[in-house]
């Protein structure tokens, strides 16, 4: 159960620490006093979405810490691989929210994700909000109710897996059919692009060699002239003023003195080496000069190839011929895919049919479990309705298959209701009054309490729309529920407030600078006065005090 709640800088709460006991704790206070703020803090601790508005104005950090001690906490800690506390039955949740809206969550000082916090929180507290009674009119809420009561998680998960597989198969088929429905001109254009690239002969095209040949042919005259001039300057100059002749003269001079100095000898060896290299360069320049030919036809052919390559690079927005080869491969793949689209669609349709059949089987299995749990739950609910002054109510579940299944199931389920003997049952959303809906919701909660392992339940004004003897009967039901789990009831009814084992009153104090929400447990005399106020208003009469005393003595 929840044993302690520590709140700091949450909304209008500056700092508040509350210790709780088992049984039924009633929470009262005037409208606007901050009861919802108190529940909001608990909700934040068990995984509700956080935002910067949670943080009290003028502060930077909000902290909510909830301590639970229960036999199931040991299993929770093991299942989620969390650290144990001071003893194996304690679990402490701490939620921190910054004024920026960022939050962190800890369980026994281990940092956890928001998803894990919500999972753990759902196992520890059933927080019934004021909207949950209205949510009973919603299909998703009704089906979740049956699943929670039946505990058929494995069957439900199997259905959801089958639904996801079917949806994936349908999406694949839709994609293929969309591709098949593309205009024929798209395929023709792909083939045209492929033919353009095929003409380039990319498999044997060497772009660097092509560019080299293009430059050689385009500048053949300049190359031949330059190479021949280099040859003459190095060797065979008509007037004998070539570099090799000068070098040979230098070698002769050095040979005459090389025996007198090692340095001269070394220089001679270097000159001989240069002479060999220079003569080789001269010969190669001569050969290259003689090999260069003017070939206008070949130049025109290379120009055409270069222009075609440049155009393809620009068209496909790629840097080189290697990248164009990848484009060619992709075009081939897409054309092959177009050619095989009909066969792919045939296989995809077959896959959809197989997945749909599996989905229907899983859906029927889930619906069967829901029908079974629905009957069991309704028997318990009817048993709970009689003490709530609805002895003649007839309720049942009406299942109907949807035209199109969804992630929740293949069916809708309507809660049918009749408050009077002989009257036909109709959807509860059409005929039940607010007070009747509140009692039905409490009956469901009481029935679920006999199956649930959640140690704590919070009922936020579940008694809305009732009064008198009905309120007394609802209070008795809550008291009975508290024998099996810790129950908190936020109420404006004196009958309910008087039935609690513990009475927590919430109030708001305002000074010149701020409003602060507070909460305190009431002693016997204070509690008598609070209930008398609930009965008569701000002007408390002696009759109201006497009536409050009678309620508390029951």
Protein backbone atom coordinates (compact mmCIF):
# COMPACT_ATOMS: atom_id res chain seq x y z
CA UNK A 1 0.00 0.00 0.00
CA UNK A 2 0.95 3.67 -0.20
CA UNK A 3 2.55 4.53 3.15
CA UNK A 4 3.96 8.01 2.55
CA UNK A 5 3.69 10.84 0.04
CA UNK A 6 6.19 13.70 0.16
CA UNK A 7 5.50 16.71 -2.06
CA UNK A 8 7.73 19.74 -2.57
CA UNK A 9 7.03 22.70 -4.87
CA UNK A 10 4.18 21.04 -6.76
CA UNK A 11 1.59 23.53 -8.07
CA UNK A 12 0.19 25.28 -4.94
CA UNK A 13 1.89 22.92 -2.48
CA UNK A 14 5.04 24.33 -0.95
CA UNK A 15 6.01 21.24 1.05
CA UNK A 16 3.82 18.50 2.43
CA UNK A 17 4.45 15.04 3.89
CA UNK A 18 1.55 12.66 4.48
CA UNK A 19 1.69 9.22 6.09
CA UNK A 20 -1.04 6.75 5.21
CA UNK A 21 -2.48 3.61 6.72
CA UNK A 22 -4.57 0.79 5.34
CA UNK A 23 -8.36 0.81 5.27
CA UNK A 24 -10.50 3.62 3.85
CA UNK A 25 -9.10 7.15 3.84
CA UNK A 26 -11.60 9.87 2.92
CA UNK A 27 -10.32 13.13 1.45
CA UNK A 28 -12.54 16.20 1.80
CA UNK A 29 -12.26 19.91 1.27
CA UNK A 30 -14.08 22.79 -0.34
CA UNK A 31 -14.21 23.08 -4.09
CA UNK A 32 -10.94 24.65 -5.23
CA UNK A 33 -9.10 23.76 -2.02
CA UNK A 34 -6.57 21.59 -3.84
CA UNK A 35 -7.85 18.01 -3.67
CA UNK A 36 -7.15 17.61 -7.38
CA UNK A 37 -3.65 19.00 -6.83
CA UNK A 38 -3.00 16.33 -4.23
CA UNK A 39 -4.17 13.63 -6.64
CA UNK A 40 -2.15 15.23 -9.40
CA UNK A 41 0.99 14.87 -7.31
CA UNK A 42 0.26 11.17 -6.75
CA UNK A 43 -0.46 10.78 -10.46
CA UNK A 44 2.88 12.39 -11.29
CA UNK A 45 4.64 9.92 -8.99
CA UNK A 46 3.11 6.92 -10.77
CA UNK A 47 3.85 8.08 -14.30
CA UNK A 48 1.48 10.84 -15.40
CA UNK A 49 2.85 13.21 -18.03
CA UNK A 50 4.84 16.09 -16.56
CA UNK A 51 5.21 19.71 -17.67
CA UNK A 52 6.59 22.99 -16.40
CA UNK A 53 3.20 23.90 -14.86
CA UNK A 54 3.77 21.19 -12.25
CA UNK A 55 6.51 23.32 -10.69
CA UNK A 56 5.39 25.86 -8.11
CA UNK A 57 5.77 29.44 -9.31
CA UNK A 58 9.10 30.98 -8.32
CA UNK A 59 10.90 27.66 -7.84
CA UNK A 60 13.10 25.60 -10.12
CA UNK A 61 12.49 22.02 -9.01
CA UNK A 62 9.41 20.02 -8.03
CA UNK A 63 9.84 16.70 -6.19
CA UNK A 64 7.18 14.09 -5.46
CA UNK A 65 8.21 10.96 -3.55
CA UNK A 66 5.85 8.04 -2.91
CA UNK A 67 6.68 5.10 -0.66
CA UNK A 68 4.93 1.74 -1.04
CA UNK A 69 5.12 -1.34 1.17
CA UNK A 70 3.34 -4.39 -0.19
CA UNK A 71 3.99 -8.10 -0.84
CA UNK A 72 3.92 -7.43 -4.60
CA UNK A 73 6.76 -4.88 -4.52
CA UNK A 74 9.31 -7.69 -4.26
CA UNK A 75 8.05 -9.21 -7.53
CA UNK A 76 7.96 -5.79 -9.23
CA UNK A 77 11.56 -5.08 -8.30
CA UNK A 78 12.66 -8.49 -9.60
CA UNK A 79 10.61 -8.25 -12.81
CA UNK A 80 12.03 -4.83 -13.69
CA UNK A 81 15.56 -5.61 -12.44
CA UNK A 82 15.49 -2.78 -9.90
CA UNK A 83 17.44 -2.31 -6.67
CA UNK A 84 15.86 -3.41 -3.41
CA UNK A 85 15.25 -0.85 -0.68
CA UNK A 86 15.93 -1.12 3.02
CA UNK A 87 13.76 -4.21 3.05
CA UNK A 88 12.43 -6.42 0.29
CA UNK A 89 8.87 -5.08 0.56
CA UNK A 90 9.59 -1.35 0.23
CA UNK A 91 9.58 0.59 -3.01
CA UNK A 92 10.23 4.33 -3.23
CA UNK A 93 9.36 6.32 -6.34
CA UNK A 94 10.83 9.79 -6.77
CA UNK A 95 9.83 12.10 -9.60
CA UNK A 96 11.69 15.35 -10.23
CA UNK A 97 10.41 18.02 -12.61
CA UNK A 98 12.40 21.12 -13.58
CA UNK A 99 10.86 24.49 -14.38
CA UNK A 100 12.00 23.86 -17.95
CA UNK A 101 9.60 20.89 -18.10
CA UNK A 102 12.31 18.22 -18.07
CA UNK A 103 11.76 15.39 -15.62
CA UNK A 104 13.59 12.40 -14.14
CA UNK A 105 12.18 9.32 -12.45
CA UNK A 106 13.77 7.06 -9.85
CA UNK A 107 12.70 3.80 -8.23
CA UNK A 108 14.74 2.99 -5.13
CA UNK A 109 17.26 5.58 -6.41
CA UNK A 110 17.65 3.78 -9.77
CA UNK A 111 17.01 6.03 -12.76
CA UNK A 112 14.12 4.63 -14.85
CA UNK A 113 12.33 5.61 -18.04
CA UNK A 114 8.87 7.16 -18.07
CA UNK A 115 7.53 3.95 -19.64
CA UNK A 116 8.82 1.75 -16.82
CA UNK A 117 7.51 4.21 -14.24
CA UNK A 118 4.01 4.02 -15.75
CA UNK A 119 4.12 0.21 -15.81
CA UNK A 120 5.20 0.05 -12.18
CA UNK A 121 2.71 2.74 -11.18
CA UNK A 122 -0.19 0.84 -12.77
CA UNK A 123 0.71 -2.21 -10.70
CA UNK A 124 0.68 -0.18 -7.47
CA UNK A 125 -2.22 2.28 -7.79
CA UNK A 126 -5.58 2.29 -9.59
CA UNK A 127 -6.19 6.02 -9.90
CA UNK A 128 -9.87 6.48 -10.79
CA UNK A 129 -10.32 9.95 -12.23
CA UNK A 130 -13.57 11.87 -12.47
CA UNK A 131 -13.64 11.20 -16.22
CA UNK A 132 -13.42 7.42 -15.86
CA UNK A 133 -17.16 7.01 -15.26
CA UNK A 134 -17.83 8.84 -18.51
CA UNK A 135 -15.08 6.77 -20.14
CA UNK A 136 -17.18 3.65 -19.44
CA UNK A 137 -19.21 4.81 -22.42
CA UNK A 138 -16.09 4.35 -24.58
CA UNK A 139 -15.40 1.08 -26.45
CA UNK A 140 -11.69 1.03 -25.59
CA UNK A 141 -12.40 1.45 -21.88
CA UNK A 142 -14.98 -1.34 -21.90
CA UNK A 143 -12.67 -3.79 -23.67
CA UNK A 144 -9.74 -2.89 -21.39
CA UNK A 145 -12.03 -3.52 -18.43
CA UNK A 146 -12.79 -7.04 -19.67
CA UNK A 147 -9.11 -7.71 -20.41
CA UNK A 148 -8.00 -6.51 -16.98
CA UNK A 149 -10.61 -8.61 -15.23
CA UNK A 150 -9.98 -11.71 -17.36
CA UNK A 151 -6.21 -11.41 -17.13
CA UNK A 152 -5.85 -12.92 -20.63
CA UNK A 153 -2.77 -10.85 -21.49
CA UNK A 154 -1.19 -13.62 -23.59
CA UNK A 155 -4.27 -13.97 -25.81
CA UNK A 156 -4.56 -10.19 -26.22
CA UNK A 157 -0.87 -9.84 -27.09
CA UNK A 158 -1.17 -12.67 -29.63
CA UNK A 159 -4.05 -10.82 -31.29
CA UNK A 160 -2.10 -7.57 -31.40
CA UNK A 161 0.87 -9.34 -32.97
CA UNK A 162 -1.46 -10.89 -35.59
CA UNK A 163 -3.01 -7.48 -36.28
CA UNK A 164 0.40 -5.87 -36.77
CA UNK A 165 1.44 -8.67 -39.16
CA UNK A 166 -1.78 -8.26 -41.16
CA UNK A 167 -1.43 -4.47 -41.35
CA UNK A 168 2.16 -4.84 -42.51
CA UNK A 169 1.06 -7.25 -45.27
CA UNK A 170 -1.72 -4.86 -46.33
CA UNK A 171 0.71 -1.94 -46.45
CA UNK A 172 3.11 -3.95 -48.63
CA UNK A 173 0.30 -4.85 -51.02
CA UNK A 174 -0.87 -1.23 -51.20
CA UNK A 175 2.66 -0.10 -52.04
CA UNK A 176 2.97 -2.65 -54.85
CA UNK A 177 -0.44 -1.78 -56.27
CA UNK A 178 0.44 1.91 -56.21
CA UNK A 179 3.60 1.15 -58.16
CA UNK A 180 1.64 -0.99 -60.64
CA UNK A 181 -0.82 1.86 -61.16
CA UNK A 182 1.88 4.30 -62.18
CA UNK A 183 1.63 5.44 -65.83
CA UNK A 184 3.31 3.23 -68.45
CA UNK A 185 5.24 6.35 -69.49
CA UNK A 186 7.18 6.10 -66.21
CA UNK A 187 8.50 2.66 -67.16
CA UNK A 188 9.23 3.84 -70.70
CA UNK A 189 11.22 6.75 -69.33
CA UNK A 190 13.25 4.39 -67.12
CA UNK A 191 14.10 2.30 -70.19
CA UNK A 192 15.03 5.43 -72.15
CA UNK A 193 17.41 6.52 -69.38
CA UNK A 194 18.94 3.04 -69.26
CA UNK A 195 19.49 3.00 -73.03
CA UNK A 196 21.27 6.37 -72.80
CA UNK A 197 23.66 5.01 -70.20
CA UNK A 198 24.13 1.73 -72.03
CA UNK A 199 25.39 3.65 -75.09
CA UNK A 200 28.19 5.08 -72.93
CA UNK A 201 29.55 1.57 -72.31
CA UNK A 202 30.14 2.32 -68.65
CA UNK A 203 31.39 -1.22 -67.91
CA UNK A 204 34.51 -0.56 -70.03
CA UNK A 205 34.71 3.25 -69.79
CA UNK A 206 37.85 4.68 -68.16
CA UNK A 207 36.98 8.33 -67.60
CA UNK A 208 40.52 9.34 -66.71
CA UNK A 209 41.97 7.68 -69.85
CA UNK A 210 39.26 9.25 -71.99
CA UNK A 211 40.04 12.72 -70.67
CA UNK A 212 43.78 12.09 -71.23
CA UNK A 213 43.24 11.04 -74.87
CA UNK A 214 40.95 14.01 -75.44
CA UNK A 215 43.62 16.44 -74.23
CA UNK A 216 46.34 14.73 -76.36
CA UNK A 217 44.28 14.87 -79.56
CA UNK A 218 43.02 18.39 -78.97
CA UNK A 219 46.57 19.76 -78.36
CA UNK A 220 48.54 17.51 -80.72
CA UNK A 221 50.38 20.40 -82.40
CA UNK A 222 51.44 22.00 -79.13
CA UNK A 223 52.58 18.61 -77.77
CA UNK A 224 54.65 17.73 -80.86
CA UNK A 225 56.28 21.15 -81.00
CA UNK A 226 57.09 21.26 -77.31
CA UNK A 227 58.51 17.72 -77.17
CA UNK A 228 60.71 18.29 -80.25
CA UNK A 229 61.96 21.61 -78.86
CA UNK A 230 62.81 19.89 -75.58
CA UNK A 231 64.74 17.21 -77.48
CA UNK A 232 66.80 19.81 -79.34
CA UNK A 233 67.55 21.77 -76.17
CA UNK A 234 68.72 18.63 -74.47
CA UNK A 235 70.52 17.00 -77.39
CA UNK A 236 71.34 17.53 -81.14
CA UNK A 237 70.92 21.30 -81.23
CA UNK A 238 71.85 22.45 -84.76
CA UNK A 239 74.46 24.85 -83.41
CA UNK A 240 75.73 22.49 -80.71
CA UNK A 241 74.34 24.54 -77.81
CA UNK A 242 72.40 21.71 -76.24
CA UNK A 243 72.47 20.70 -72.58
CA UNK A 244 74.01 17.26 -73.11
CA UNK A 245 76.99 18.72 -75.04
CA UNK A 246 77.61 21.18 -72.22
CA UNK A 247 77.29 18.39 -69.70
CA UNK A 248 79.81 16.24 -71.57
CA UNK A 249 82.27 19.16 -71.56
CA UNK A 250 81.81 19.49 -67.83
CA UNK A 251 82.48 15.77 -67.37
CA UNK A 252 85.77 16.03 -69.28
CA UNK A 253 86.89 18.94 -67.12
CA UNK A 254 86.00 17.06 -63.95
CA UNK A 255 87.76 13.89 -65.14
CA UNK A 256 91.00 15.89 -65.44
CA UNK A 257 90.91 16.80 -61.73
CA UNK A 258 88.96 14.01 -60.02
CA UNK A 259 92.17 12.23 -58.85
CA UNK A 260 93.15 15.29 -56.73
CA UNK A 261 90.01 15.50 -54.57
CA UNK A 262 87.37 13.18 -53.27
CA UNK A 263 84.84 16.00 -53.60
CA UNK A 264 85.72 16.34 -57.29
CA UNK A 265 85.34 12.58 -57.68
CA UNK A 266 81.89 12.66 -56.08
CA UNK A 267 80.81 15.51 -58.34
CA UNK A 268 82.01 13.58 -61.38
CA UNK A 269 79.90 10.57 -60.41
CA UNK A 270 76.85 12.78 -60.03
CA UNK A 271 77.49 14.42 -63.44
CA UNK A 272 77.70 11.01 -65.08
CA UNK A 273 74.41 10.01 -63.47
CA UNK A 274 72.73 13.21 -64.66
CA UNK A 275 74.15 12.65 -68.14
CA UNK A 276 72.53 9.21 -68.35
CA UNK A 277 69.14 10.51 -67.12
CA UNK A 278 69.24 13.53 -69.44
CA UNK A 279 70.10 11.45 -72.53
CA UNK A 280 67.18 9.12 -71.67
CA UNK A 281 64.78 12.08 -71.34
CA UNK A 282 66.00 13.46 -74.67
CA UNK A 283 65.42 10.15 -76.47
CA UNK A 284 61.97 9.73 -74.97
CA UNK A 285 61.01 13.30 -75.93
CA UNK A 286 62.09 12.55 -79.51
CA UNK A 287 60.10 9.32 -79.66
CA UNK A 288 56.96 10.95 -78.20
CA UNK A 289 57.25 13.84 -80.62
CA UNK A 290 57.41 11.45 -83.58
CA UNK A 291 54.47 9.35 -82.30
CA UNK A 292 51.96 12.22 -82.03
CA UNK A 293 49.53 12.27 -84.91
CA UNK A 294 46.83 14.71 -85.97
CA UNK A 295 43.57 12.65 -86.11
CA UNK A 296 40.50 14.91 -86.54
CA UNK A 297 38.13 11.94 -86.91
CA UNK A 298 39.29 10.37 -83.65
CA UNK A 299 39.05 13.79 -81.95
CA UNK A 300 35.43 14.18 -83.12
CA UNK A 301 34.61 10.71 -81.73
CA UNK A 302 36.24 11.48 -78.36
CA UNK A 303 34.49 14.88 -78.22
CA UNK A 304 31.15 13.16 -78.73
CA UNK A 305 31.89 10.67 -75.93
CA UNK A 306 32.99 13.47 -73.61
CA UNK A 307 29.84 15.49 -74.31
CA UNK A 308 27.61 12.45 -73.76
CA UNK A 309 29.38 11.67 -70.49
CA UNK A 310 29.15 15.27 -69.28
CA UNK A 311 25.45 15.39 -70.14
CA UNK A 312 24.76 12.14 -68.24
CA UNK A 313 26.70 13.35 -65.18
CA UNK A 314 24.70 16.57 -65.12
CA UNK A 315 21.36 14.84 -65.75
CA UNK A 316 21.78 12.34 -62.92
CA UNK A 317 23.62 14.79 -60.67
CA UNK A 318 26.58 12.50 -59.98
CA UNK A 319 30.33 13.34 -59.97
CA UNK A 320 31.91 10.63 -62.14
CA UNK A 321 31.48 7.57 -64.35
CA UNK A 322 31.71 5.24 -61.34
CA UNK A 323 28.63 6.87 -59.81
CA UNK A 324 26.86 6.61 -63.17
CA UNK A 325 27.43 2.85 -63.08
CA UNK A 326 25.50 2.74 -59.79
CA UNK A 327 22.69 4.73 -61.43
CA UNK A 328 22.62 2.21 -64.26
CA UNK A 329 22.35 -0.65 -61.77
CA UNK A 330 19.46 1.07 -59.97
CA UNK A 331 17.62 1.64 -63.27
CA UNK A 332 18.01 -2.04 -64.08
CA UNK A 333 16.65 -2.97 -60.66
CA UNK A 334 13.63 -0.70 -61.01
CA UNK A 335 12.81 -2.00 -64.49
CA UNK A 336 13.11 -5.59 -63.26
CA UNK A 337 10.80 -4.71 -60.40
CA UNK A 338 8.28 -3.24 -62.85
CA UNK A 339 8.50 -6.37 -64.97
CA UNK A 340 7.88 -8.58 -61.90
CA UNK A 341 5.21 -6.39 -60.25
CA UNK A 342 2.27 -8.60 -61.17
CA UNK A 343 3.87 -11.68 -59.66
CA UNK A 344 4.82 -9.68 -56.55
CA UNK A 345 1.22 -8.45 -56.21
CA UNK A 346 -0.04 -12.03 -56.50
CA UNK A 347 2.25 -13.15 -53.67
CA UNK A 348 1.39 -10.08 -51.59
CA UNK A 349 -2.35 -10.77 -51.90
CA UNK A 350 -1.80 -14.36 -50.84
CA UNK A 351 0.19 -13.12 -47.82
CA UNK A 352 -2.63 -10.72 -46.87
CA UNK A 353 -5.15 -13.57 -47.00
CA UNK A 354 -2.95 -15.78 -44.79
CA UNK A 355 -2.41 -12.95 -42.27
CA UNK A 356 -6.10 -12.06 -42.33
CA UNK A 357 -7.07 -15.65 -41.53
CA UNK A 358 -4.58 -15.72 -38.65
CA UNK A 359 -5.94 -12.36 -37.46
CA UNK A 360 -9.53 -13.63 -37.50
CA UNK A 361 -8.57 -16.72 -35.53
CA UNK A 362 -6.68 -14.65 -32.95
CA UNK A 363 -9.54 -12.13 -32.82
CA UNK A 364 -12.16 -14.81 -32.22
CA UNK A 365 -10.01 -16.36 -29.50
CA UNK A 366 -9.71 -12.96 -27.81
CA UNK A 367 -13.44 -12.25 -28.16
CA UNK A 368 -14.22 -15.65 -26.65
CA UNK A 369 -12.05 -14.83 -23.63
CA UNK A 370 -13.72 -11.42 -23.33
CA UNK A 371 -17.19 -12.96 -23.47
CA UNK A 372 -16.19 -15.42 -20.76
CA UNK A 373 -14.68 -12.76 -18.50
CA UNK A 374 -17.66 -10.49 -19.25
CA UNK A 375 -20.12 -13.04 -17.85
CA UNK A 376 -18.01 -13.58 -14.74
CA UNK A 377 -17.58 -9.86 -14.19
CA UNK A 378 -21.28 -9.12 -14.70
CA UNK A 379 -22.24 -11.72 -12.09
CA UNK A 380 -20.02 -9.95 -9.56
CA UNK A 381 -21.29 -6.52 -10.61
CA UNK A 382 -24.94 -7.55 -10.18
CA UNK A 383 -24.05 -8.81 -6.70
CA UNK A 384 -22.57 -5.37 -5.92
CA UNK A 385 -25.51 -3.40 -7.36
CA UNK A 386 -28.16 -4.69 -4.96
CA UNK A 387 -26.61 -3.00 -1.88
CA UNK A 388 -26.28 0.18 -3.96
CA UNK A 389 -30.09 0.36 -4.26
CA UNK A 390 -30.17 -0.95 -7.80
CA UNK A 391 -31.68 -4.38 -7.08
CA UNK A 392 -33.67 -4.65 -10.32
CA UNK A 393 -30.96 -3.51 -12.69
CA UNK A 394 -30.35 -5.75 -15.66
CA UNK A 395 -26.99 -5.39 -17.41
CA UNK A 396 -25.30 -7.41 -20.07
CA UNK A 397 -22.61 -7.19 -22.73
CA UNK A 398 -23.56 -7.08 -26.40
CA UNK A 399 -20.70 -8.14 -28.67
CA UNK A 400 -20.71 -7.36 -32.39
CA UNK A 401 -17.96 -7.85 -34.97
CA UNK A 402 -16.56 -4.76 -36.66
CA UNK A 403 -16.47 -4.42 -40.43
CA UNK A 404 -12.76 -3.71 -40.14
CA UNK A 405 -10.69 -4.95 -37.18
CA UNK A 406 -8.32 -2.63 -35.34
CA UNK A 407 -5.54 -2.99 -32.81
CA UNK A 408 -8.07 -3.29 -29.96
CA UNK A 409 -9.99 -6.22 -31.42
CA UNK A 410 -12.35 -7.49 -34.09
CA UNK A 411 -15.40 -6.52 -32.05
CA UNK A 412 -17.29 -3.73 -30.38
CA UNK A 413 -18.93 -4.37 -27.03
CA UNK A 414 -21.83 -2.37 -25.71
CA UNK A 415 -22.85 -2.26 -22.05
CA UNK A 416 -26.63 -2.70 -22.01
CA UNK A 417 -28.60 -1.40 -19.02
CA UNK A 418 -32.10 -1.39 -17.66
CA UNK A 419 -32.96 0.03 -14.22
CA UNK A 420 -36.58 -1.12 -14.08
CA UNK A 421 -38.21 -4.56 -14.32
CA UNK A 422 -39.81 -5.23 -17.67
CA UNK A 423 -37.94 -2.44 -19.46
CA UNK A 424 -35.74 -3.52 -22.37
CA UNK A 425 -32.02 -3.11 -21.96
CA UNK A 426 -30.42 -0.30 -23.93
CA UNK A 427 -26.91 1.14 -24.15
CA UNK A 428 -26.07 2.60 -20.74
CA UNK A 429 -24.92 5.83 -22.35
CA UNK A 430 -28.50 6.42 -23.60
CA UNK A 431 -30.63 5.81 -20.55
CA UNK A 432 -28.66 5.73 -17.28
CA UNK A 433 -28.72 8.83 -15.06
CA UNK A 434 -25.58 10.33 -13.59
CA UNK A 435 -26.26 8.73 -10.21
CA UNK A 436 -26.87 5.36 -11.80
CA UNK A 437 -23.64 5.58 -13.76
CA UNK A 438 -21.72 6.44 -10.59
CA UNK A 439 -23.12 3.40 -8.79
CA UNK A 440 -22.46 1.14 -11.77
CA UNK A 441 -18.86 2.36 -11.89
CA UNK A 442 -18.41 1.72 -8.18
CA UNK A 443 -19.92 -1.74 -8.62
CA UNK A 444 -17.38 -2.46 -11.33
CA UNK A 445 -14.55 -1.21 -9.12
CA UNK A 446 -15.77 -3.34 -6.22
CA UNK A 447 -16.02 -6.39 -8.47
CA UNK A 448 -12.56 -5.81 -9.91
CA UNK A 449 -11.18 -5.43 -6.38
CA UNK A 450 -11.91 -9.12 -5.81
CA UNK A 451 -9.53 -10.02 -8.63
CA UNK A 452 -6.96 -7.25 -8.70
CA UNK A 453 -3.50 -7.37 -7.21
CA UNK A 454 -3.24 -3.57 -7.21
CA UNK A 455 -2.82 -2.72 -3.51
CA UNK A 456 -4.16 0.86 -3.63
CA UNK A 457 -7.21 2.38 -5.32
CA UNK A 458 -8.11 6.08 -5.44
CA UNK A 459 -11.74 7.01 -6.15
CA UNK A 460 -12.05 10.64 -7.15
CA UNK A 461 -15.67 11.72 -6.55
CA UNK A 462 -17.08 8.41 -7.78
CA UNK A 463 -20.16 9.26 -5.69
CA UNK A 464 -21.12 12.22 -7.88
CA UNK A 465 -24.86 12.52 -8.48
CA UNK A 466 -26.07 10.56 -5.46
CA UNK A 467 -27.32 11.48 -1.99
CA UNK A 468 -29.22 10.18 1.01
CA UNK A 469 -29.45 6.44 1.52
CA UNK A 470 -27.69 5.75 -1.81
CA UNK A 471 -24.67 7.71 -0.57
CA UNK A 472 -24.66 5.66 2.63
CA UNK A 473 -24.76 2.44 0.63
CA UNK A 474 -21.90 3.58 -1.62
CA UNK A 475 -19.90 4.39 1.51
CA UNK A 476 -20.53 0.85 2.77
CA UNK A 477 -19.29 -0.59 -0.52
CA UNK A 478 -16.09 1.46 -0.29
CA UNK A 479 -15.60 0.34 3.30
CA UNK A 480 -16.04 -3.28 2.21
CA UNK A 481 -13.50 -2.77 -0.60
CA UNK A 482 -11.00 -1.42 1.93
CA UNK A 483 -10.86 -4.80 3.66
CA UNK A 484 -8.93 -6.14 0.68
CA UNK A 485 -7.02 -3.09 -0.54
CA UNK A 486 -6.14 0.41 0.56
CA UNK A 487 -8.89 2.79 -0.59
CA UNK A 488 -8.82 6.57 -0.91
CA UNK A 489 -12.11 8.34 -1.61
CA UNK A 490 -12.27 12.01 -2.56
CA UNK A 491 -15.81 13.04 -1.66
CA UNK A 492 -18.23 15.89 -1.00
CA UNK A 493 -20.77 13.59 0.72
CA UNK A 494 -21.03 13.52 4.50
CA UNK A 495 -22.14 9.88 4.50
CA UNK A 496 -18.98 8.80 2.68
CA UNK A 497 -16.74 11.09 4.74
CA UNK A 498 -18.10 9.61 7.96
CA UNK A 499 -17.41 6.04 6.86
CA UNK A 500 -13.64 6.41 6.53
CA UNK A 501 -11.13 4.90 8.89
CA UNK A 502 -9.08 8.08 8.40
CA UNK A 503 -10.16 11.58 7.40
CA UNK A 504 -7.81 13.87 5.48
CA UNK A 505 -8.98 17.44 4.90
CA UNK A 506 -7.48 19.63 2.21
CA UNK A 507 -7.56 23.42 2.48
CA UNK A 508 -6.09 26.43 0.75
CA UNK A 509 -4.64 29.41 2.61
CA UNK A 510 -4.06 32.69 0.85
CA UNK A 511 -1.90 35.61 1.92
CA UNK A 512 -0.85 38.75 0.11
CA UNK A 513 1.77 36.99 -2.03
CA UNK A 514 0.63 33.41 -2.66
CA UNK A 515 -1.90 30.63 -2.15
CA UNK A 516 -0.77 27.41 -0.45
CA UNK A 517 -2.57 24.06 -0.35
CA UNK A 518 -2.39 22.12 2.91
CA UNK A 519 -3.71 18.75 4.10
CA UNK A 520 -4.16 17.48 7.65
CA UNK A 521 -5.74 14.46 9.35
CA UNK A 522 -8.75 15.35 11.47
CA UNK A 523 -9.19 14.22 15.04
CA UNK A 524 -12.63 13.14 16.28
CA UNK A 525 -13.93 16.59 17.22
CA UNK A 526 -12.50 18.26 14.13
CA UNK A 527 -13.94 15.52 11.99
CA UNK A 528 -17.38 15.97 13.53
CA UNK A 529 -17.25 19.68 12.70
CA UNK A 530 -16.08 19.02 9.13
CA UNK A 531 -18.92 16.58 8.45
CA UNK A 532 -21.43 18.96 10.05
CA UNK A 533 -20.18 21.64 7.66
CA UNK A 534 -20.70 19.25 4.72
CA UNK A 535 -24.28 18.74 5.91
CA UNK A 536 -25.28 22.36 6.54
CA UNK A 537 -22.78 24.65 4.85
CA UNK A 538 -20.79 27.46 6.40
CA UNK A 539 -23.40 28.18 9.08
CA UNK A 540 -23.09 25.01 11.15
CA UNK A 541 -26.15 24.26 13.28
CA UNK A 542 -26.38 22.10 16.36
CA UNK A 543 -28.68 19.81 14.44
CA UNK A 544 -25.94 19.33 11.81
CA UNK A 545 -23.40 18.58 14.54
CA UNK A 546 -25.76 16.02 16.04
CA UNK A 547 -26.37 14.43 12.65
CA UNK A 548 -22.63 14.28 12.03
CA UNK A 549 -22.13 12.58 15.36
CA UNK A 550 -24.75 9.98 14.43
CA UNK A 551 -23.03 9.32 11.08
CA UNK A 552 -19.65 8.89 12.76
CA UNK A 553 -21.07 6.49 15.33
CA UNK A 554 -22.33 4.01 12.74
